[in-house]
């Protein structure tokens, strides 16, 4: 289904100059994003890039021993395909859907062709890569210096933003993967937050009750 102007909810697309958006529109198709869907595989060719419309995807660093940890997340503010933007054809990381939604996707070849024809489009996408790298740096800092409760608060806050302030649709298994901890530790942490009246949590959904409580904890690390 071809996207029309009023259906574009991806903020990266909406901030582009009109001529660049029009350059991309013929190649964009709307597709569903299913929970657990893998959008990129580490060291594999990138066939498509995805401009997220709704939902949440995680960017995961992986090792040969099947260890994974999240170092970045993308919601309706951005897109996948960093390697393609940087003129490579293979992904350095795994990208997986952690919150179901929709995206506008296009072939990597079409994106590269559009970037070659527009300096302003290249500049816009490179700025997004720069912003994502800044986020990844802060995530690395949190992973190395922050306590689990601070990392948990940071993750919930960032996810809450990307779900538009609504409920965060995520399982405890996913949260454990993203934080690099055991699932029982996540379950205990969720119970503690519920006891404080900060969230309401089920196996697959987190409702933020007191967003202001989460924010100060992010400043302590």
Protein backbone atom coordinates (compact mmCIF):
# COMPACT_ATOMS: atom_id res chain seq x y z
CA UNK A 1 0.00 0.00 0.00
CA UNK A 2 1.49 3.34 -1.03
CA UNK A 3 1.62 5.86 1.83
CA UNK A 4 -0.24 9.12 1.47
CA UNK A 5 0.81 12.37 3.10
CA UNK A 6 -1.65 12.17 5.99
CA UNK A 7 -0.57 8.60 6.87
CA UNK A 8 3.11 9.41 7.40
CA UNK A 9 3.80 9.29 11.13
CA UNK A 10 7.55 8.78 10.98
CA UNK A 11 9.16 11.99 12.22
CA UNK A 12 12.32 11.59 10.19
CA UNK A 13 10.25 11.61 7.02
CA UNK A 14 8.17 14.56 8.18
CA UNK A 15 11.22 16.79 8.80
CA UNK A 16 12.70 16.18 5.35
CA UNK A 17 12.48 18.91 2.75
CA UNK A 18 9.49 18.30 0.52
CA UNK A 19 11.53 17.40 -2.56
CA UNK A 20 13.40 14.65 -0.67
CA UNK A 21 10.19 13.18 0.70
CA UNK A 22 8.69 13.16 -2.78
CA UNK A 23 11.83 11.42 -4.02
CA UNK A 24 11.29 8.58 -1.53
CA UNK A 25 7.50 8.20 -1.67
CA UNK A 26 7.30 6.08 -4.87
CA UNK A 27 9.58 3.46 -3.27
CA UNK A 28 7.88 3.31 0.15
CA UNK A 29 5.39 0.61 1.12
CA UNK A 30 3.60 0.24 4.44
CA UNK A 31 4.22 -3.08 6.20
CA UNK A 32 3.33 -4.54 9.61
CA UNK A 33 6.01 -5.12 12.22
CA UNK A 34 5.41 -8.32 14.20
CA UNK A 35 6.77 -8.92 17.69
CA UNK A 36 10.08 -10.75 17.37
CA UNK A 37 10.48 -10.02 13.66
CA UNK A 38 14.14 -9.71 12.66
CA UNK A 39 14.75 -6.72 10.38
CA UNK A 40 18.52 -7.05 10.12
CA UNK A 41 20.94 -9.89 10.80
CA UNK A 42 24.51 -9.14 11.87
CA UNK A 43 27.05 -9.55 9.04
CA UNK A 44 24.27 -10.11 6.49
CA UNK A 45 23.18 -7.99 3.55
CA UNK A 46 20.50 -5.36 4.21
CA UNK A 47 17.67 -5.83 1.71
CA UNK A 48 15.33 -3.13 3.06
CA UNK A 49 15.36 -0.13 5.36
CA UNK A 50 12.40 0.64 7.64
CA UNK A 51 11.04 4.04 8.64
CA UNK A 52 9.18 3.16 11.83
CA UNK A 53 5.59 4.44 11.98
CA UNK A 54 4.60 2.85 15.28
CA UNK A 55 6.06 0.30 17.65
CA UNK A 56 9.63 -0.22 18.81
CA UNK A 57 12.73 -1.97 17.48
CA UNK A 58 15.95 -2.82 19.33
CA UNK A 59 19.47 -2.62 17.94
CA UNK A 60 21.45 -5.49 19.48
CA UNK A 61 25.16 -6.18 19.73
CA UNK A 62 25.79 -9.91 19.35
CA UNK A 63 28.61 -12.37 19.97
CA UNK A 64 29.48 -15.76 18.55
CA UNK A 65 28.24 -17.40 21.76
CA UNK A 66 24.71 -16.15 21.16
CA UNK A 67 25.02 -13.35 23.68
CA UNK A 68 23.02 -10.22 22.89
CA UNK A 69 22.40 -6.87 24.51
CA UNK A 70 20.54 -3.78 23.36
CA UNK A 71 22.57 -0.63 22.82
CA UNK A 72 19.96 1.40 21.00
CA UNK A 73 16.26 1.59 20.24
CA UNK A 74 14.28 3.11 17.38
CA UNK A 75 10.67 4.20 17.30
CA UNK A 76 8.67 6.60 15.13
CA UNK A 77 11.52 9.13 15.33
CA UNK A 78 13.84 7.14 13.08
CA UNK A 79 14.78 4.32 10.75
CA UNK A 80 16.89 1.22 10.37
CA UNK A 81 19.67 0.75 7.84
CA UNK A 82 22.61 2.67 9.33
CA UNK A 83 25.14 0.65 7.35
CA UNK A 84 23.32 1.44 4.11
CA UNK A 85 23.31 5.15 4.95
CA UNK A 86 27.07 4.89 5.56
CA UNK A 87 27.50 3.24 2.13
CA UNK A 88 27.97 -0.34 3.30
CA UNK A 89 25.76 -3.27 2.31
CA UNK A 90 25.94 -5.39 5.48
CA UNK A 91 24.57 -4.86 8.94
CA UNK A 92 26.96 -4.69 11.89
CA UNK A 93 24.19 -5.63 14.34
CA UNK A 94 20.90 -7.44 14.78
CA UNK A 95 17.71 -5.38 14.66
CA UNK A 96 14.57 -6.98 16.06
CA UNK A 97 11.00 -5.79 16.69
CA UNK A 98 10.32 -5.51 20.43
CA UNK A 99 6.97 -3.73 20.16
CA UNK A 100 4.59 -4.54 17.31
CA UNK A 101 3.60 -1.72 14.96
CA UNK A 102 4.00 -0.61 11.36
CA UNK A 103 6.72 0.83 9.14
CA UNK A 104 7.28 2.29 5.71
CA UNK A 105 9.97 0.23 4.03
CA UNK A 106 11.94 0.50 0.80
CA UNK A 107 14.76 -1.38 -0.81
CA UNK A 108 18.29 -0.48 0.18
CA UNK A 109 19.15 -0.03 -3.49
CA UNK A 110 16.37 2.55 -3.90
CA UNK A 111 17.52 4.45 -0.82
CA UNK A 112 21.13 4.59 -2.02
CA UNK A 113 19.99 5.82 -5.42
CA UNK A 114 17.93 8.58 -3.80
CA UNK A 115 20.85 9.61 -1.57
CA UNK A 116 23.16 9.89 -4.58
CA UNK A 117 20.74 12.33 -6.19
CA UNK A 118 20.24 14.62 -3.18
CA UNK A 119 22.78 16.25 -0.87
CA UNK A 120 20.03 17.39 1.49
CA UNK A 121 18.67 13.85 1.82
CA UNK A 122 22.13 12.49 2.61
CA UNK A 123 22.61 15.23 5.19
CA UNK A 124 19.26 14.51 6.87
CA UNK A 125 19.92 10.78 7.16
CA UNK A 126 23.51 11.27 8.33
CA UNK A 127 22.28 13.58 11.10
CA UNK A 128 19.96 10.81 12.26
CA UNK A 129 22.87 8.36 12.37
CA UNK A 130 24.79 10.92 14.45
CA UNK A 131 21.88 11.24 16.91
CA UNK A 132 21.57 7.47 17.17
CA UNK A 133 25.30 7.17 17.90
CA UNK A 134 24.87 9.69 20.72
CA UNK A 135 22.04 7.57 22.14
CA UNK A 136 24.18 4.43 21.85
CA UNK A 137 27.01 6.15 23.71
CA UNK A 138 24.70 7.07 26.58
CA UNK A 139 23.38 3.51 26.67
CA UNK A 140 26.93 2.18 26.92
CA UNK A 141 27.59 4.64 29.76
CA UNK A 142 24.45 3.51 31.58
CA UNK A 143 25.28 -0.17 31.08
CA UNK A 144 28.74 0.36 32.53
CA UNK A 145 28.06 2.85 35.33
CA UNK A 146 24.40 2.78 36.33
CA UNK A 147 22.66 0.48 38.77
CA UNK A 148 20.02 -1.90 37.44
CA UNK A 149 17.17 0.22 38.79
CA UNK A 150 18.54 3.28 36.98
CA UNK A 151 18.95 1.38 33.70
CA UNK A 152 15.44 -0.01 34.09
CA UNK A 153 14.01 3.49 34.64
CA UNK A 154 15.90 4.79 31.61
CA UNK A 155 14.65 1.98 29.37
CA UNK A 156 11.03 2.40 30.45
CA UNK A 157 11.22 6.19 29.95
CA UNK A 158 12.72 5.88 26.46
CA UNK A 159 10.21 3.21 25.44
CA UNK A 160 7.34 5.26 26.90
CA UNK A 161 8.37 8.15 24.64
CA UNK A 162 8.39 5.92 21.57
CA UNK A 163 4.96 4.53 22.35
CA UNK A 164 3.63 8.08 22.42
CA UNK A 165 3.15 8.10 26.18
CA UNK A 166 0.92 5.03 26.05
CA UNK A 167 1.42 1.56 27.46
CA UNK A 168 4.74 -0.13 26.65
CA UNK A 169 4.00 -3.50 25.06
CA UNK A 170 6.96 -5.61 26.13
CA UNK A 171 7.49 -8.92 27.93
CA UNK A 172 9.80 -9.46 30.89
CA UNK A 173 11.93 -11.72 28.66
CA UNK A 174 12.46 -8.87 26.21
CA UNK A 175 13.29 -6.41 28.98
CA UNK A 176 15.83 -8.88 30.40
CA UNK A 177 17.45 -9.16 26.97
CA UNK A 178 17.57 -5.40 26.51
CA UNK A 179 19.14 -4.82 29.94
CA UNK A 180 21.46 -7.82 29.79
CA UNK A 181 20.17 -9.36 33.03
CA UNK A 182 18.30 -12.49 34.13
CA UNK A 183 14.53 -12.59 33.77
CA UNK A 184 13.93 -13.13 37.54
CA UNK A 185 15.83 -9.87 38.21
CA UNK A 186 13.46 -8.02 35.85
CA UNK A 187 10.37 -9.57 37.46
CA UNK A 188 11.57 -8.52 40.92
CA UNK A 189 12.35 -5.00 39.67
CA UNK A 190 8.86 -4.69 38.16
CA UNK A 191 7.26 -5.76 41.44
CA UNK A 192 9.28 -3.15 43.32
CA UNK A 193 8.17 -0.39 40.93
CA UNK A 194 4.56 -1.53 41.22
CA UNK A 195 4.88 -1.39 44.97
CA UNK A 196 6.04 2.23 44.68
CA UNK A 197 3.01 3.02 42.51
CA UNK A 198 5.24 3.98 39.56
CA UNK A 199 3.96 1.41 37.04
CA UNK A 200 1.37 -1.28 36.52
CA UNK A 201 2.83 -4.37 34.91
CA UNK A 202 1.59 -7.60 33.33
CA UNK A 203 3.55 -10.28 31.47
CA UNK A 204 3.42 -8.30 28.25
CA UNK A 205 2.56 -4.68 29.07
CA UNK A 206 3.87 -1.86 31.25
CA UNK A 207 1.64 1.11 32.11
CA UNK A 208 3.53 4.14 33.43
CA UNK A 209 1.60 5.72 36.31
CA UNK A 210 4.21 8.19 37.62
CA UNK A 211 6.56 9.36 34.87
CA UNK A 212 8.04 12.07 37.11
CA UNK A 213 9.36 9.39 39.51
CA UNK A 214 11.43 7.82 36.72
CA UNK A 215 13.20 10.99 35.62
CA UNK A 216 15.31 11.82 38.73
CA UNK A 217 16.75 8.31 38.82
CA UNK A 218 18.28 8.88 35.39
CA UNK A 219 20.48 11.69 36.71
CA UNK A 220 22.28 9.69 39.38
CA UNK A 221 24.71 7.74 37.22
